[in-house]
Protein backbone atom coordinates (compact mmCIF):
# COMPACT_ATOMS: atom_id res chain seq x y z
CA MET A 1 0.07 0.15 -0.12
CA ILE A 2 2.80 2.34 0.99
CA VAL A 3 4.49 1.68 -2.45
CA GLN A 4 0.98 2.56 -4.42
CA HIS A 5 0.89 5.87 -2.58
CA PHE A 6 4.60 6.66 -3.40
CA LEU A 7 3.88 5.75 -7.13
CA LYS A 8 0.99 8.35 -7.40
CA TRP A 9 2.93 10.86 -5.42
CA ILE A 10 6.06 11.02 -7.74
CA GLU A 11 3.63 11.97 -10.58
CA THR A 12 3.42 15.55 -9.22
CA ALA A 13 6.39 15.71 -6.90
CA ARG A 14 9.33 18.11 -7.38
CA VAL A 15 12.54 16.90 -8.64
CA ALA A 16 14.33 17.35 -5.28
CA ASP A 17 11.45 15.56 -3.28
CA ARG A 18 11.65 12.73 -5.94
CA ALA A 19 15.36 12.34 -5.57
CA ALA A 20 15.14 12.20 -1.66
CA ALA A 21 12.37 9.84 -1.95
CA ALA A 22 14.10 7.73 -4.41
CA ASN A 23 17.36 7.59 -2.34
CA ALA A 24 15.14 6.55 0.75
CA LEU A 25 13.39 3.79 -1.04
CA ALA A 26 16.69 2.20 -2.38
CA ARG A 27 18.07 2.36 1.12
CA ALA A 28 15.07 0.57 2.74
CA TYR A 29 15.31 -1.92 0.10
CA ILE A 30 18.87 -2.89 0.90
CA VAL A 31 18.74 -2.37 4.75
CA SER A 32 15.13 -3.30 5.79
CA GLU A 33 13.82 -6.86 6.16
CA LEU A 34 10.79 -6.60 3.75
CA ASP A 35 8.27 -9.34 3.26
CA PHE A 36 8.46 -10.84 -0.22
CA GLU A 37 5.48 -8.91 -1.46
CA ASP A 38 6.75 -5.41 -0.09
CA ARG A 39 10.28 -6.22 -1.80
CA CYS A 40 8.79 -7.09 -5.13
CA ALA A 41 6.60 -3.71 -4.86
CA ALA A 42 9.75 -1.75 -3.85
CA GLU A 43 11.67 -3.29 -6.78
CA ALA A 44 9.01 -2.43 -9.14
CA ALA A 45 8.94 1.13 -7.87
CA LEU A 46 12.80 1.27 -8.24
CA THR A 47 12.46 0.26 -11.66
CA LEU A 48 9.89 2.63 -12.55
CA LEU A 49 12.16 5.49 -11.24
CA LEU A 50 14.88 4.28 -13.97
CA ASP A 51 12.63 6.20 -16.43
CA ASP A 52 12.53 9.24 -14.34
CA PRO A 53 13.32 12.26 -16.58
CA SER A 54 15.72 13.92 -14.01
CA PRO A 55 19.24 12.36 -13.80
CA LYS A 56 19.06 13.70 -10.04
CA VAL A 57 16.62 11.18 -9.09
CA ARG A 58 18.39 8.31 -10.74
CA GLN A 59 21.69 9.58 -9.23
CA ALA A 60 20.27 9.46 -5.92
CA MET A 61 19.26 5.83 -6.39
CA ALA A 62 22.96 5.32 -7.66
CA GLU A 63 24.36 6.74 -4.28
CA ALA A 64 22.13 4.74 -2.21
CA LEU A 65 22.81 1.49 -3.83
CA LYS A 66 26.73 1.80 -4.77
CA LEU A 67 27.95 -0.21 -1.99
CA SER A 68 25.40 -3.04 -1.31
CA PRO A 69 25.80 -6.52 -2.56
CA ARG A 70 22.03 -6.69 -2.10
CA ALA A 71 21.12 -4.15 -4.72
CA PRO A 72 18.74 -5.64 -7.52
CA GLN A 73 21.09 -6.49 -10.42
CA GLN A 74 18.75 -5.13 -13.22
CA ILE A 75 18.50 -1.62 -11.45
CA VAL A 76 22.21 -1.47 -11.04
CA ALA A 77 23.01 -2.66 -14.71
CA ALA A 78 20.70 0.04 -15.79
CA LEU A 79 22.08 2.71 -13.84
CA ALA A 80 25.64 1.81 -14.66
CA ALA A 81 24.67 2.30 -18.36
CA ASP A 82 23.34 5.57 -17.76
CA GLN A 83 24.92 9.23 -18.35
CA PRO A 84 28.33 9.42 -16.71
CA GLU A 85 27.22 11.42 -13.28
CA VAL A 86 24.54 8.65 -12.77
CA ALA A 87 26.92 5.71 -13.42
CA ALA A 88 29.85 6.91 -11.72
CA PRO A 89 29.60 5.61 -8.17
CA LEU A 90 28.22 2.23 -9.34
CA LEU A 91 31.13 1.82 -11.94
CA ALA A 92 33.63 2.67 -9.36
CA LEU A 93 32.25 0.91 -6.47
CA SER A 94 29.33 -1.55 -6.90
CA PRO A 95 30.02 -5.22 -5.87
CA VAL A 96 26.99 -6.40 -7.80
CA LEU A 97 28.89 -5.74 -11.02
CA GLY A 98 30.88 -8.87 -12.20
CA ASP A 99 33.59 -9.09 -14.68
CA ASN A 100 31.64 -9.77 -17.58
CA ASP A 101 29.32 -6.83 -16.71
CA LEU A 102 32.29 -4.44 -16.39
CA ILE A 103 33.96 -5.91 -19.63
CA ASP A 104 30.96 -5.24 -21.67
CA LEU A 105 30.72 -1.66 -19.93
CA VAL A 106 34.34 -1.01 -20.98
CA ALA A 107 33.62 -2.14 -24.51
CA ALA A 108 30.38 0.26 -24.97
CA SER A 109 31.54 3.21 -22.72
CA GLY A 110 33.62 6.35 -23.02
CA ALA A 111 36.82 7.52 -21.43
CA ALA A 112 35.13 8.56 -18.25
CA ALA A 113 33.32 5.43 -17.62
CA GLN A 114 36.31 3.14 -18.49
CA GLY A 115 38.54 5.14 -16.28
CA LEU A 116 36.12 4.59 -13.16
CA ILE A 117 36.09 0.95 -13.87
CA ALA A 118 39.93 0.96 -14.26
CA THR A 119 40.20 2.66 -10.47
CA ARG A 120 38.16 -0.23 -8.85
CA ALA A 121 39.46 -1.98 -5.87
CA ARG A 122 39.48 -4.99 -7.60
CA VAL A 123 40.50 -5.24 -11.24
CA SER A 124 41.09 -8.74 -12.70
CA MET A 125 43.46 -9.69 -15.51
CA ALA A 126 40.48 -10.45 -17.79
CA LEU A 127 39.14 -6.70 -17.11
CA SER A 128 42.55 -5.26 -17.39
CA ALA A 129 43.07 -7.01 -20.56
CA ALA A 130 39.46 -5.59 -21.74
CA ILE A 131 40.70 -2.00 -20.80
CA ALA A 132 44.33 -2.62 -22.53
CA GLU A 133 42.44 -3.67 -25.66
CA VAL A 134 39.82 -1.05 -26.28
CA GLY A 135 40.44 1.62 -23.37
CA GLU A 136 41.05 5.25 -23.99
CA PRO A 137 44.60 6.56 -23.02
CA SER A 138 43.06 8.23 -19.81
CA ALA A 139 41.75 4.85 -18.92
CA CYS A 140 44.73 2.93 -19.15
CA ILE A 141 46.49 5.43 -17.26
CA GLU A 142 44.33 4.88 -14.50
CA LEU A 143 44.74 1.17 -14.85
CA LEU A 144 48.43 1.55 -14.71
CA ARG A 145 48.14 3.73 -11.77
CA ASN A 146 45.99 1.55 -9.89
CA PRO A 147 48.15 -0.48 -7.44
CA VAL A 148 45.77 -3.37 -7.06
CA ALA A 149 44.85 -4.08 -10.52
CA GLU A 150 46.11 -7.28 -11.75
CA ILE A 151 47.75 -6.73 -15.23
CA ALA A 152 48.99 -9.33 -17.44
CA SER A 153 52.46 -9.16 -19.35
CA VAL A 154 50.32 -9.40 -22.76
CA SER A 155 48.19 -6.45 -21.53
CA PHE A 156 51.15 -4.38 -20.85
CA ARG A 157 52.37 -5.26 -24.46
CA ARG A 158 48.93 -4.18 -25.79
CA ILE A 159 48.98 -0.75 -24.24
CA ALA A 160 52.48 -0.23 -25.33
CA GLU A 161 51.46 -1.23 -28.89
CA ARG A 162 48.33 0.92 -29.00
CA LEU A 163 49.20 3.88 -27.00
CA GLY A 164 53.05 3.84 -26.87
CA GLY A 165 53.08 7.01 -28.78
CA GLU A 166 51.23 9.10 -26.10
CA ALA A 167 53.49 10.70 -23.80
CA ARG A 168 51.34 10.28 -20.49
CA VAL A 169 50.54 6.64 -21.25
CA ARG A 170 54.25 5.91 -22.00
CA GLU A 171 55.14 7.66 -18.64
CA ALA A 172 52.76 5.43 -16.68
CA LEU A 173 53.86 2.20 -18.23
CA ILE A 174 57.58 3.17 -17.61
CA ALA A 175 56.70 3.94 -13.98
CA HIS A 176 54.96 0.64 -13.40
CA PRO A 177 57.53 -1.75 -11.44
CA ALA A 178 55.83 -4.88 -13.09
CA LEU A 179 56.36 -3.71 -16.75
CA PRO A 180 57.96 -6.62 -18.69
CA SER A 181 61.56 -5.75 -19.54
CA ASP A 182 61.04 -6.37 -23.28
CA THR A 183 58.24 -3.84 -23.36
CA ARG A 184 60.13 -1.38 -21.48
CA HIS A 185 62.85 -1.81 -23.93
CA SER A 186 60.55 -1.21 -26.91
CA LEU A 187 59.16 2.09 -25.04
CA LEU A 188 62.84 3.31 -24.86
CA ILE A 189 63.46 2.56 -28.36
CA SER A 190 60.34 4.24 -29.76
CA LEU A 191 61.15 7.25 -27.55
CA GLY A 192 64.38 7.81 -29.18
CA GLU A 193 62.98 7.23 -32.73
CA ALA A 194 60.53 9.99 -31.88
CA LEU A 195 63.10 12.41 -30.71
CA THR A 196 65.09 11.80 -33.78
CA LYS A 197 62.26 12.60 -35.95
CA SER A 198 61.52 15.98 -34.24
CA SER A 199 62.49 18.83 -36.42
CA LEU A 200 63.74 20.69 -33.54
CA VAL A 201 66.43 18.03 -32.57
CA THR A 202 67.46 17.61 -36.40
CA ALA A 203 67.66 21.25 -36.62
CA LEU A 204 69.88 21.74 -33.68
CA MET A 205 72.34 18.83 -34.57
CA GLY A 206 71.50 17.45 -38.00
CA LYS A 207 70.01 14.15 -38.90
CA ALA A 208 73.28 11.87 -38.93
CA ARG A 209 74.39 13.20 -35.43
CA ALA A 210 70.84 12.99 -34.05
CA GLU A 211 70.78 9.09 -34.96
CA ARG A 212 74.03 8.39 -33.76
CA LEU A 213 73.47 9.97 -30.44
CA MET A 214 70.04 8.23 -30.33
CA ARG A 215 71.54 4.85 -30.89
CA GLU A 216 74.32 5.47 -28.19
CA ALA A 217 71.60 6.50 -25.65
CA CYS A 218 69.36 3.55 -26.45
CA THR A 219 72.46 1.30 -25.94
CA ARG A 220 73.16 2.89 -22.51
CA ALA A 221 69.51 2.68 -21.85
CA SER A 222 69.30 -1.07 -22.51
CA LEU A 223 72.33 -1.74 -20.22
CA THR A 224 70.65 0.18 -17.52
CA LEU A 225 67.56 -1.75 -18.04
CA ILE A 226 69.27 -4.91 -17.52
CA ASP A 227 69.83 -3.75 -13.85
CA GLY A 228 66.09 -3.30 -13.30
CA THR A 229 65.10 -6.64 -14.99
CA ARG A 230 64.58 -9.77 -12.89
CA GLN A 231 67.11 -12.55 -13.48
CA VAL A 232 63.90 -14.91 -14.40
CA GLU A 233 63.07 -12.41 -17.10
CA PHE A 234 66.65 -12.30 -18.82
CA ALA A 235 65.70 -15.04 -21.28
CA ALA A 236 62.67 -12.98 -22.49
CA LEU A 237 64.91 -9.94 -22.77
CA VAL A 238 67.46 -11.71 -24.63
CA GLU A 239 64.90 -13.12 -27.24
CA HIS A 240 63.36 -9.62 -27.69
CA LEU A 241 66.74 -8.11 -28.37
CA ARG A 242 67.64 -10.85 -30.65
CA MET A 243 64.37 -10.56 -32.60
CA ARG A 244 64.96 -6.72 -32.97
CA GLY A 245 68.35 -7.17 -34.19
CA ASP A 246 69.90 -5.44 -31.22
CA LEU A 247 71.70 -8.38 -29.65
CA THR A 248 74.96 -7.64 -31.55
CA THR A 249 78.38 -8.45 -30.74
CA GLY A 250 79.04 -4.77 -29.87
CA PHE A 251 76.28 -4.92 -27.53
CA LEU A 252 77.49 -8.08 -25.61
CA VAL A 253 81.01 -6.64 -25.46
CA ARG A 254 79.61 -3.70 -23.62
CA VAL A 255 77.52 -5.96 -21.30
CA ILE A 256 80.60 -7.93 -20.29
CA ALA A 257 82.67 -4.76 -19.91
CA HIS A 258 79.87 -3.49 -17.15
CA GLY A 259 79.84 -6.79 -15.34
CA LYS A 260 76.39 -8.01 -16.46
CA ILE A 261 77.56 -11.65 -16.27
CA ASP A 262 74.19 -13.42 -15.63
CA PHE A 263 72.59 -11.49 -18.41
CA PHE A 264 75.65 -12.34 -20.51
CA GLY A 265 75.12 -15.92 -19.63
CA ALA A 266 71.41 -15.77 -20.74
CA ALA A 267 72.71 -14.38 -24.03
CA LEU A 268 75.20 -17.29 -24.69
CA VAL A 269 72.48 -19.79 -23.57
CA ALA A 270 70.25 -18.45 -26.57
CA LEU A 271 72.93 -18.36 -29.08
CA SER A 272 74.74 -21.24 -28.34
CA GLY A 273 71.94 -23.64 -27.39
CA GLN A 274 73.97 -25.01 -24.47
CA PRO A 275 72.15 -25.93 -21.27
CA GLU A 276 71.90 -23.07 -18.67
CA SER A 277 73.62 -25.14 -15.85
CA ARG A 278 76.77 -25.69 -18.21
CA VAL A 279 76.93 -22.20 -19.29
CA ARG A 280 76.70 -20.97 -15.70
CA ALA A 281 79.43 -23.51 -14.65
CA LEU A 282 81.88 -22.35 -17.58
CA LEU A 283 81.33 -18.60 -16.76
CA SER A 284 81.96 -19.02 -12.94
CA GLY A 285 84.95 -21.23 -13.32
CA GLY A 286 85.60 -22.74 -16.63
CA ARG A 287 88.95 -22.73 -18.32
CA ASP A 288 89.69 -20.57 -21.29
CA ALA A 289 89.79 -23.31 -23.85
CA ALA A 290 86.29 -24.38 -22.84
CA LEU A 291 84.92 -20.84 -22.82
CA SER A 292 86.36 -20.21 -26.33
CA ALA A 293 84.51 -23.34 -27.48
CA LEU A 294 81.41 -21.70 -25.87
CA PHE A 295 81.95 -18.54 -27.69
CA ARG A 296 82.44 -20.14 -31.15
CA ALA A 297 79.05 -22.00 -30.58
CA ALA A 298 77.47 -18.90 -29.72
CA LYS A 299 78.80 -17.23 -33.00
CA LEU A 300 80.92 -14.72 -31.26
CA PRO A 301 83.81 -13.53 -33.49
CA ALA A 302 87.22 -14.95 -32.90
CA GLY A 303 88.62 -11.56 -32.55
CA THR A 304 86.45 -10.87 -29.59
CA HIS A 305 87.51 -13.77 -27.45
CA ALA A 306 90.60 -12.72 -25.71
CA ALA A 307 89.03 -9.37 -24.42
CA VAL A 308 85.80 -11.22 -23.06
CA LEU A 309 88.12 -13.74 -21.31
CA CYS A 310 90.18 -10.98 -20.02
CA ALA A 311 87.08 -9.21 -18.66
CA LEU A 312 85.63 -12.48 -17.17
CA ALA A 313 89.01 -13.19 -15.41
CA VAL A 314 88.74 -9.53 -13.76
CA TRP A 315 85.03 -10.07 -12.78
CA ARG A 316 85.75 -13.43 -11.22
CA GLU A 317 88.40 -11.81 -8.92
CA VAL A 318 85.85 -9.09 -8.14
CA ALA A 319 83.35 -11.71 -7.23
CA ARG A 320 85.67 -13.46 -5.03
CA GLY A 321 86.93 -10.28 -3.23
CA LYS A 322 90.46 -10.37 -4.44
CA ARG A 323 90.05 -7.11 -6.44
CA ILE A 324 88.21 -3.96 -6.54
CA ALA A 325 87.38 -2.85 -10.00
CA GLY A 326 84.47 -1.40 -12.10
CA ALA A 327 83.71 -0.83 -15.96
CA GLN A 328 86.42 1.72 -16.03
CA GLU A 329 89.38 -0.65 -14.95
CA VAL A 330 87.76 -3.53 -16.62
CA SER A 331 87.45 -1.83 -20.21
CA TYR A 332 91.06 -0.64 -19.78
CA MET A 333 92.28 -4.38 -19.32
CA MET A 334 90.03 -5.36 -22.36
CA LEU A 335 91.70 -2.63 -24.39
CA ARG A 336 95.31 -3.76 -23.22
CA CYS A 337 94.37 -7.30 -24.81
CA LEU A 338 93.57 -5.75 -28.14
CA GLN A 339 96.51 -3.45 -28.45
CA ASP A 340 100.18 -3.70 -28.69
CA ALA A 341 102.49 -1.33 -26.95
CA ARG A 342 102.22 1.47 -29.57
CA GLY A 343 98.29 1.41 -28.81
CA GLU A 344 97.71 -0.34 -32.30
CA ALA A 345 95.22 -3.00 -32.93
CA VAL A 346 96.98 -6.44 -32.51
CA ASP A 347 94.88 -7.62 -35.50
CA PRO A 348 93.70 -4.51 -37.57
CA VAL A 349 91.20 -6.97 -39.26
CA ASP A 350 89.70 -8.68 -36.27
CA CYS A 351 90.35 -6.15 -33.62
CA GLY A 352 90.47 -2.74 -35.23
CA GLY A 353 86.70 -1.93 -34.76
CA LEU A 354 86.51 -3.95 -31.39
CA ALA A 355 89.50 -1.80 -30.07
CA LYS A 356 87.66 1.35 -30.92
CA LEU A 357 84.53 0.13 -29.30
CA VAL A 358 86.12 -0.84 -26.06
CA LYS A 359 88.08 2.55 -25.76
CA SER A 360 84.75 4.39 -26.32
CA ILE A 361 83.28 2.13 -23.54
CA HIS A 362 86.44 3.11 -21.41
CA LEU A 363 86.01 6.71 -22.01
CA GLU A 364 82.33 6.55 -21.20
CA ALA A 365 83.14 4.76 -18.02
CA LEU A 366 85.85 7.66 -17.13
CA ARG A 367 83.27 10.30 -17.94
CA GLU A 368 80.49 8.70 -15.94
CA ASN A 369 82.83 8.17 -12.90
CA ALA A 370 84.18 11.77 -13.13
CA ARG A 371 80.94 13.00 -13.14
CA GLY A 372 79.88 10.98 -10.13
CA HIS A 373 82.75 12.19 -8.17
CA ALA A 374 82.12 15.88 -9.14
CA LEU A 375 78.46 15.60 -7.76
CA ALA A 376 79.74 13.83 -4.63
CA ILE A 377 81.98 16.79 -3.96
CA ALA A 378 79.34 19.16 -4.73
CA ALA A 379 76.96 17.42 -2.28
CA ALA A 380 79.67 17.36 0.53
């Protein structure tokens, strides 16, 4: 009987009164212990209120129902598909909306609704995948900033493929601690390529110099990336670099000069086809002859073997506490293996380019150490 009076009353009531009444009725439905008939009548009244011409009335219903698992599913579904200000509390909070509902809403909604869904307290991998596949840039940023969202590696890659050119999306991707190393590397490369295509950059330094600096910067960034990559992901990063054509002899020489032995080992496993356990054993204590055989199996040029063996010997001593050394000292020792007393390449054919590369690595290490020393003095 009360519901009957309510339905007659709303025909002439003002918007503010209808909104207050809609909120009260929705709260009564989820809080009060109504008998079956009253519950059915209240549900019918709420359903009728979905057609109210004022969004304020529907918004008042949504506010009342947003946190309750007892809210009528059809009412919540209708309100969640309503205009943004009505749908917002339900999209962000309603426990009634399951993954399938939310995935459908992501596909059918705009950026505002997608962003609210991405901020929910529980975002499953399936829902993250839907946002990664069709979400607007702002929604993907919200997803990446949500600390509780479960995001699969393939979803990170999909966001990078679709929206890696957007600066804010790229920034959010790079800032995410779970971003796969291969995706992080791709973003670094695409950023470098974007900079070289900039008319301002090419006007300031010329196209050829800009491309050379970009390649050098990307190589250094790749080395830094190795430090932030978990060892279990090394194989994936190696495969990514190999498919891109970036797993070059020069890059591996840089890797060994900087003491990234575990990554160097992962590269040798991929290039040689040897078991990981054997490669690890050889790198940690194998004889030079056995190591040279491994390098040949990995297709490393013969001219690099002496320098790499020299670097390995130094890093082994560092690991055992017998020597203190860094990239500056190791690259200098490598350079001595490649040059005679006059500073000329021992074998101009095999070692000329390699000696030049190792010298550039040594000079970079010198500059980096000097810069760090200067900063330390300034901070003292």
